[in-house]
Amino acid sequence: MNFPDEFQKQCIDLAQKLIGIKAARFHITDPHMHKKGFVGLNVKNEMEKKYYNKLEYIDPMHPSKFEDTNTTVISSNTIMPHTKWLNSVFYQDFIKPYGYVHVADIFFRNHGKIIAILTLLRDDSMDEFGSKDLDTMRNIQPFLEYSLNSIYLPARISEREFIADNYGLTNRELDVLEYALSGADNKTIAKQLNISLPTVRTHLQHIYPKIDVHSTNELISKVLRELNIQTS
C-alpha cells in the first residue's frame, strides 16, 4: 500500500461513486499516526487550517459530541433544522465562504474511540443528504472501519515503528519520509504538512545521515528495499 494517503483517497473515491458529493475530507486522528494532515477532494489546506485555528470548538458536528454514542453517520440536516444550520455561526463563517451547504460525517472507531472522520460536502446545486444517502453511508461504514483497523493502520504503524527503531527518526521526520516514499516532491510535502519548504529540506538533511544516504532518490530506494524485506 502506498502510504501515507492511498487508503483515504480510495475511501473518498468510493464515497464519490456511491454518493453525489462536491467535496470531501478524510482525517485520521489516531494518536499513533503522529500526523495532523488530511486528504481532501476540492478542500484546500487553508480551510483545514482555519477550522483548527478558530472554528473547531463551535462545530456542532464535532466528533467529541458523538464519542460516547454508537452513531456512525450524521449530517447537518439531521442534527438540527436546515434553517438553524444556515443561521449558525459555524456555517456562516466556515462552510458558506467555500461554497458548500450540506455536510455529512462518517465516523470510524477503534475500541470505541473515534479515530477517523470522512466528511462529505454538497453545494446549493444539490439536495441535502437524504435517508437513502445516509443509509448508503451506514452500509459502507463497517467495511471501511474494518479495513482501517485491520489493514491500513497496522501496516502503516508497523512501517513507521520499523524505521523509527532502526534509524532513530523523529515523528516529524517520519512524516516527511512517508510523503517522500509516496513520490511527493518537497513542495507537496511542505503543503501537506503545513510547513515551509526550507523546513522540509532541513528535515531531509537530518534524515540522510541517519539512514546513511546522500539524496532523496537514495533514501527512497534504501527504505523501500528494507520495508520490502521486512514484509516478505
Protein backbone atom coordinates (compact mmCIF):
# COMPACT_ATOMS: atom_id res chain seq x y z
CA MET A 1 0.00 0.00 0.00
CA ASN A 2 1.29 3.48 -0.84
CA PHE A 3 1.47 5.48 2.36
CA PRO A 4 0.51 7.92 3.64
CA ASP A 5 -2.65 8.79 1.74
CA GLU A 6 -3.75 5.94 -0.51
CA PHE A 7 -6.35 4.45 1.83
CA GLN A 8 -8.03 7.81 2.41
CA LYS A 9 -8.06 8.55 -1.32
CA GLN A 10 -9.68 5.20 -2.07
CA CYS A 11 -12.36 5.82 0.58
CA ILE A 12 -13.16 9.24 -0.87
CA ASP A 13 -13.29 7.75 -4.37
CA LEU A 14 -15.75 5.09 -3.16
CA ALA A 15 -17.96 7.69 -1.47
CA GLN A 16 -17.89 9.86 -4.59
CA LYS A 17 -19.05 6.95 -6.73
CA LEU A 18 -21.84 5.87 -4.39
CA ILE A 19 -23.00 9.25 -3.07
CA GLY A 20 -23.19 12.50 -5.01
CA ILE A 21 -20.76 15.00 -3.49
CA LYS A 22 -18.80 18.10 -4.47
CA ALA A 23 -16.02 17.77 -1.92
CA ALA A 24 -14.70 15.54 0.85
CA ARG A 25 -12.03 15.31 3.52
CA PHE A 26 -10.69 12.25 5.33
CA HIS A 27 -8.88 12.93 8.59
CA ILE A 28 -7.22 10.21 10.65
CA THR A 29 -6.81 11.24 14.29
CA ASP A 30 -5.30 8.09 15.79
CA PRO A 31 -2.52 9.19 18.20
CA HIS A 32 -0.11 6.55 16.88
CA MET A 33 -0.20 8.20 13.47
CA HIS A 34 1.59 11.36 14.66
CA LYS A 35 0.12 13.23 11.73
CA LYS A 36 -2.23 16.22 11.67
CA GLY A 37 -2.76 16.37 7.92
CA PHE A 38 -5.75 15.28 5.89
CA VAL A 39 -6.67 14.02 2.46
CA GLY A 40 -9.22 16.08 0.61
CA LEU A 41 -11.22 16.37 -2.58
CA ASN A 42 -11.82 20.03 -3.53
CA VAL A 43 -10.87 21.04 0.03
CA LYS A 44 -7.96 23.42 0.42
CA ASN A 45 -5.33 23.34 3.17
CA GLU A 46 -6.39 26.84 4.20
CA MET A 47 -9.87 25.51 5.01
CA GLU A 48 -8.39 22.84 7.26
CA LYS A 49 -6.08 25.34 8.96
CA LYS A 50 -8.93 27.78 9.55
CA TYR A 51 -11.01 25.03 11.13
CA TYR A 52 -8.40 24.00 13.68
CA ASN A 53 -7.22 27.54 14.41
CA LYS A 54 -10.60 29.16 15.05
CA LEU A 55 -13.73 27.13 14.43
CA GLU A 56 -13.24 23.59 15.72
CA TYR A 57 -14.79 24.36 19.11
CA ILE A 58 -18.03 25.75 17.70
CA ASP A 59 -18.55 22.88 15.26
CA PRO A 60 -21.99 21.40 16.01
CA MET A 61 -20.87 18.20 14.28
CA HIS A 62 -17.59 17.86 16.20
CA PRO A 63 -16.79 14.15 16.80
CA SER A 64 -16.36 14.73 20.54
CA LYS A 65 -20.13 15.20 20.74
CA PHE A 66 -20.61 11.63 19.48
CA GLU A 67 -17.65 9.88 21.14
CA ASP A 68 -19.76 8.05 23.74
CA THR A 69 -22.50 7.00 21.32
CA ASN A 70 -22.90 4.31 18.69
CA THR A 71 -23.57 6.91 16.00
CA THR A 72 -21.72 6.20 12.76
CA VAL A 73 -23.27 8.77 10.40
CA ILE A 74 -24.54 12.32 10.92
CA SER A 75 -25.49 15.18 8.61
CA SER A 76 -26.13 18.87 9.04
CA ASN A 77 -29.84 18.36 8.36
CA THR A 78 -30.23 15.58 10.95
CA ILE A 79 -28.55 17.31 13.87
CA MET A 80 -30.63 20.48 13.50
CA PRO A 81 -33.30 22.08 11.26
CA HIS A 82 -31.85 23.34 7.99
CA THR A 83 -32.80 26.97 8.70
CA LYS A 84 -30.98 26.82 12.03
CA TRP A 85 -27.93 25.33 10.30
CA LEU A 86 -27.89 28.15 7.73
CA ASN A 87 -28.05 30.73 10.52
CA SER A 88 -25.34 29.12 12.65
CA VAL A 89 -22.02 30.91 13.12
CA PHE A 90 -20.17 27.77 12.06
CA TYR A 91 -21.98 27.61 8.72
CA GLN A 92 -21.78 31.35 8.05
CA ASP A 93 -18.08 31.67 8.97
CA PHE A 94 -16.75 28.38 7.69
CA ILE A 95 -18.94 26.34 5.33
CA LYS A 96 -20.62 29.09 3.31
CA PRO A 97 -17.45 31.03 2.30
CA TYR A 98 -16.15 27.95 0.50
CA GLY A 99 -19.35 27.45 -1.47
CA TYR A 100 -20.73 24.41 0.34
CA VAL A 101 -24.08 23.96 2.09
CA HIS A 102 -24.76 20.38 3.16
CA VAL A 103 -22.36 18.35 5.30
CA ALA A 104 -22.29 14.69 6.35
CA ASP A 105 -19.78 12.84 8.53
CA ILE A 106 -18.94 9.14 8.74
CA PHE A 107 -17.19 8.17 11.98
CA PHE A 108 -14.71 5.30 12.34
CA ARG A 109 -13.81 3.89 15.75
CA ASN A 110 -11.19 1.75 17.41
CA HIS A 111 -12.19 0.30 20.80
CA GLY A 112 -14.99 2.85 20.97
CA LYS A 113 -12.79 5.88 20.28
CA ILE A 114 -13.34 7.86 17.09
CA ILE A 115 -10.05 7.68 15.19
CA ALA A 116 -11.10 8.95 11.75
CA ILE A 117 -13.78 11.06 10.10
CA LEU A 118 -14.84 11.09 6.46
CA THR A 119 -16.65 14.36 5.74
CA LEU A 120 -18.77 14.74 2.60
CA LEU A 121 -19.94 18.11 1.26
CA ARG A 122 -22.54 19.32 -1.22
CA ASP A 123 -23.17 22.78 -2.64
CA ASP A 124 -26.51 24.53 -3.20
CA SER A 125 -26.95 22.89 -6.62
CA MET A 126 -27.51 19.59 -4.82
CA ASP A 127 -30.15 18.31 -2.41
CA GLU A 128 -29.45 17.81 1.27
CA PHE A 129 -28.29 14.35 2.30
CA GLY A 130 -31.47 12.24 2.34
CA SER A 131 -32.33 8.98 4.04
CA LYS A 132 -31.09 6.94 1.06
CA ASP A 133 -27.72 8.74 1.14
CA LEU A 134 -27.40 8.22 4.89
CA ASP A 135 -28.29 4.53 4.56
CA THR A 136 -25.58 4.12 1.92
CA MET A 137 -23.06 5.73 4.27
CA ARG A 138 -24.11 3.41 7.11
CA ASN A 139 -23.78 0.42 4.79
CA ILE A 140 -20.22 1.21 3.72
CA GLN A 141 -19.07 2.34 7.18
CA PRO A 142 -18.45 -1.15 8.67
CA PHE A 143 -16.30 -2.27 5.73
CA LEU A 144 -14.23 0.92 5.72
CA GLU A 145 -13.83 0.80 9.51
CA TYR A 146 -12.72 -2.83 9.33
CA SER A 147 -10.21 -2.04 6.58
CA LEU A 148 -8.91 0.95 8.50
CA ASN A 149 -8.34 -1.03 11.70
CA SER A 150 -7.28 -4.37 10.24
CA ILE A 151 -5.18 -3.43 7.24
CA TYR A 152 -4.25 0.22 6.91
CA LEU A 153 -3.38 1.32 10.45
CA PRO A 154 -1.43 -1.79 11.48
CA ALA A 155 0.63 -1.75 8.30
CA ARG A 156 1.35 1.96 8.50
CA ILE A 157 2.18 1.94 12.21
CA SER A 158 4.42 -1.11 11.73
CA GLU A 159 6.36 0.61 8.96
CA ARG A 160 6.79 3.80 10.97
CA GLU A 161 7.95 1.86 14.03
CA PHE A 162 10.39 -0.20 11.95
CA ILE A 163 12.03 2.93 10.52
CA ALA A 164 12.00 4.77 13.85
CA ASP A 165 13.56 1.83 15.71
CA ASN A 166 16.24 1.26 13.11
CA TYR A 167 17.24 4.85 12.41
CA GLY A 168 16.01 6.98 15.29
CA LEU A 169 13.85 9.31 13.20
CA THR A 170 11.60 11.79 14.96
CA ASN A 171 7.85 11.78 14.37
CA ARG A 172 8.08 14.79 12.04
CA GLU A 173 10.97 13.23 10.14
CA LEU A 174 8.80 10.12 9.71
CA ASP A 175 6.01 12.32 8.32
CA VAL A 176 8.41 13.84 5.77
CA LEU A 177 9.80 10.41 4.89
CA GLU A 178 6.32 8.96 4.31
CA TYR A 179 5.47 11.64 1.80
CA ALA A 180 8.85 11.25 0.09
CA LEU A 181 8.22 7.49 -0.22
CA SER A 182 4.84 8.19 -1.82
CA GLY A 183 6.60 10.16 -4.57
CA ALA A 184 5.73 13.66 -3.33
CA ASP A 185 8.20 16.42 -4.13
CA ASN A 186 9.42 18.87 -1.48
CA LYS A 187 6.81 21.49 -2.37
CA THR A 188 4.00 18.96 -1.98
CA ILE A 189 5.41 17.73 1.32
CA ALA A 190 5.53 21.30 2.63
CA LYS A 191 1.94 21.90 1.57
CA GLN A 192 0.60 18.67 3.05
CA LEU A 193 2.39 19.10 6.38
CA ASN A 194 1.79 22.87 6.58
CA ILE A 195 5.49 23.61 6.94
CA SER A 196 7.86 25.77 4.89
CA LEU A 197 9.94 24.47 2.01
CA PRO A 198 13.22 25.24 3.85
CA THR A 199 11.92 23.24 6.82
CA VAL A 200 11.29 20.24 4.55
CA ARG A 201 14.86 20.50 3.25
CA THR A 202 16.18 20.74 6.81
CA HIS A 203 14.29 17.60 7.84
CA LEU A 204 15.68 15.74 4.83
CA GLN A 205 19.22 16.88 5.63
CA HIS A 206 18.75 15.44 9.12
CA ILE A 207 17.29 12.19 7.74
CA TYR A 208 20.07 11.49 5.21
CA PRO A 209 22.92 10.82 7.69
CA LYS A 210 20.64 8.80 9.97
CA ILE A 211 19.85 6.40 7.10
CA ASP A 212 23.33 6.74 5.54
CA VAL A 213 22.27 8.16 2.17
CA HIS A 214 23.09 11.36 0.31
CA SER A 215 19.98 12.12 -1.75
CA THR A 216 16.23 11.65 -1.77
CA ASN A 217 16.49 9.05 -4.53
CA GLU A 218 18.95 7.02 -2.45
CA LEU A 219 16.71 7.48 0.58
CA ILE A 220 13.60 6.18 -1.19
CA SER A 221 15.46 3.26 -2.75
CA LYS A 222 17.03 2.11 0.53
CA VAL A 223 13.93 2.49 2.71
CA LEU A 224 11.61 0.79 0.25
CA ARG A 225 14.07 -2.07 -0.13
CA GLU A 226 14.24 -2.56 3.62
CA LEU A 227 10.46 -2.31 4.04
CA ASN A 228 10.00 -4.95 1.33
CA ILE A 229 12.46 -7.24 3.14
CA GLN A 230 10.61 -6.66 6.42
CA THR A 231 7.22 -7.67 4.98
CA SER A 232 8.46 -10.55 2.80
